[in-house]
Amino acid sequence: MQSCLDSTYHLECQLVDKEFLDPITRVQIVQIIETLSLPLTMCGLLGCEVGQLGVDIIECLHWRVGALMYMYCHMVLTVEERKKEIDIEHFKEVSGASEQWTHWDQGLCP
């Protein structure tokens, strides 16, 4: 679990430092979300309750995805020069990946 959090945090920091301008930013965002989903996916595959991860872990994963999406959308949507870069299909893809979280953690976090 810790390596999952550490590796994605490192990648998130790199994306923020580069202001999400790296050509592979889109792929990296989806990869981060998928990596942060792994603990939840593993619970499903092993047949255990997601809640067994603990509320703190689930909340941490949830906040990390939310923070990443906020930073990315803020950077792309508030910087006037970047608005022309918006690719609606990419936003749908990223939103779809992050939307999984509404299903994963419904009712698990107080």
Protein backbone atom coordinates (compact mmCIF):
# COMPACT_ATOMS: atom_id res chain seq x y z
CA MET A 1 0.00 0.00 0.00
CA GLN A 2 2.73 2.45 0.95
CA SER A 3 4.63 1.88 -2.30
CA CYS A 4 1.41 2.58 -4.22
CA LEU A 5 0.98 5.88 -2.40
CA ASP A 6 4.64 6.84 -2.66
CA SER A 7 5.05 6.12 -6.37
CA THR A 8 1.88 7.96 -7.34
CA TYR A 9 2.76 10.90 -5.10
CA HIS A 10 6.14 11.21 -6.80
CA LEU A 11 4.53 11.17 -10.24
CA GLU A 12 1.85 13.66 -9.15
CA CYS A 13 4.55 16.07 -7.93
CA GLN A 14 6.36 15.81 -11.26
CA LEU A 15 3.15 16.59 -13.16
CA VAL A 16 2.44 19.61 -10.96
CA ASP A 17 6.04 20.87 -11.22
CA LYS A 18 5.75 20.70 -15.02
CA GLU A 19 2.29 22.32 -14.81
CA PHE A 20 0.77 19.32 -16.60
CA LEU A 21 2.56 20.35 -19.81
CA ASP A 22 4.34 17.04 -20.37
CA PRO A 23 3.10 15.43 -23.61
CA ILE A 24 2.24 12.22 -21.76
CA THR A 25 0.33 13.95 -18.95
CA ARG A 26 -2.97 12.47 -20.09
CA VAL A 27 -1.69 8.93 -19.92
CA GLN A 28 0.00 9.55 -16.58
CA ILE A 29 -3.17 10.90 -14.96
CA VAL A 30 -5.14 7.82 -15.94
CA GLN A 31 -2.25 5.60 -14.75
CA ILE A 32 -2.18 7.34 -11.36
CA ILE A 33 -5.92 6.89 -10.92
CA GLU A 34 -5.66 3.23 -11.92
CA THR A 35 -2.76 2.68 -9.54
CA LEU A 36 -4.66 4.29 -6.68
CA SER A 37 -7.57 1.99 -7.55
CA LEU A 38 -5.46 -1.15 -7.20
CA PRO A 39 -6.07 -1.72 -3.47
CA LEU A 40 -9.80 -1.50 -4.04
CA THR A 41 -9.62 -3.75 -7.08
CA MET A 42 -7.56 -6.31 -5.17
CA CYS A 43 -10.20 -6.42 -2.44
CA GLY A 44 -12.79 -7.23 -5.07
CA LEU A 45 -10.64 -9.93 -6.64
CA LEU A 46 -9.87 -11.51 -3.28
CA GLY A 47 -13.50 -11.42 -2.26
CA CYS A 48 -12.96 -9.25 0.79
CA GLU A 49 -14.93 -6.19 1.72
CA VAL A 50 -13.42 -2.89 0.57
CA GLY A 51 -14.14 -1.60 4.05
CA GLN A 52 -11.48 -3.98 5.38
CA LEU A 53 -8.87 -1.58 4.05
CA GLY A 54 -9.98 0.82 6.74
CA VAL A 55 -11.70 4.15 6.50
CA ASP A 56 -8.38 6.03 6.74
CA ILE A 57 -6.89 4.26 3.71
CA ILE A 58 -10.04 4.61 1.64
CA GLU A 59 -10.30 8.28 2.54
CA CYS A 60 -6.63 8.84 1.66
CA LEU A 61 -7.08 7.20 -1.75
CA HIS A 62 -10.22 9.20 -2.36
CA TRP A 63 -8.56 12.51 -1.48
CA ARG A 64 -5.53 11.77 -3.62
CA VAL A 65 -7.67 11.20 -6.71
CA GLY A 66 -9.74 14.29 -5.93
CA ALA A 67 -6.66 16.46 -5.41
CA LEU A 68 -5.10 15.26 -8.66
CA MET A 69 -8.26 16.02 -10.60
CA TYR A 70 -8.59 19.43 -8.96
CA MET A 71 -4.99 20.41 -9.73
CA TYR A 72 -5.23 19.22 -13.33
CA CYS A 73 -8.58 20.87 -14.05
CA HIS A 74 -7.54 24.08 -12.31
CA MET A 75 -4.35 24.29 -14.34
CA VAL A 76 -6.01 23.58 -17.66
CA LEU A 77 -9.25 25.50 -17.16
CA THR A 78 -8.02 28.65 -15.42
CA VAL A 79 -4.98 29.50 -17.50
CA GLU A 80 -6.39 31.30 -20.51
CA GLU A 81 -3.71 30.13 -22.95
CA ARG A 82 -4.33 26.51 -21.99
CA LYS A 83 -8.09 26.54 -22.58
CA LYS A 84 -7.54 25.99 -26.29
CA GLU A 85 -5.74 22.71 -25.44
CA ILE A 86 -8.85 21.20 -23.91
CA ASP A 87 -9.70 17.84 -25.38
CA ILE A 88 -13.23 16.90 -24.38
CA GLU A 89 -12.62 13.21 -25.05
CA HIS A 90 -9.67 13.22 -22.67
CA PHE A 91 -11.73 14.89 -19.96
CA LYS A 92 -14.36 12.21 -20.42
CA GLU A 93 -11.69 9.51 -20.08
CA VAL A 94 -10.18 11.05 -16.95
CA SER A 95 -13.62 11.74 -15.50
CA GLY A 96 -14.62 8.16 -16.17
CA ALA A 97 -11.57 6.89 -14.31
CA SER A 98 -12.17 9.18 -11.37
CA GLU A 99 -15.91 8.45 -11.39
CA GLN A 100 -15.11 4.90 -10.29
CA TRP A 101 -14.40 6.44 -6.92
CA THR A 102 -18.02 7.38 -6.41
CA HIS A 103 -18.85 3.69 -6.73
CA TRP A 104 -15.92 2.36 -4.71
CA ASP A 105 -16.26 4.50 -1.66
CA GLN A 106 -20.01 5.10 -1.45
CA GLY A 107 -21.02 4.53 2.10
CA LEU A 108 -17.49 3.63 3.22
CA CYS A 109 -16.33 7.07 4.33
CA PRO A 110 -18.26 8.93 6.99
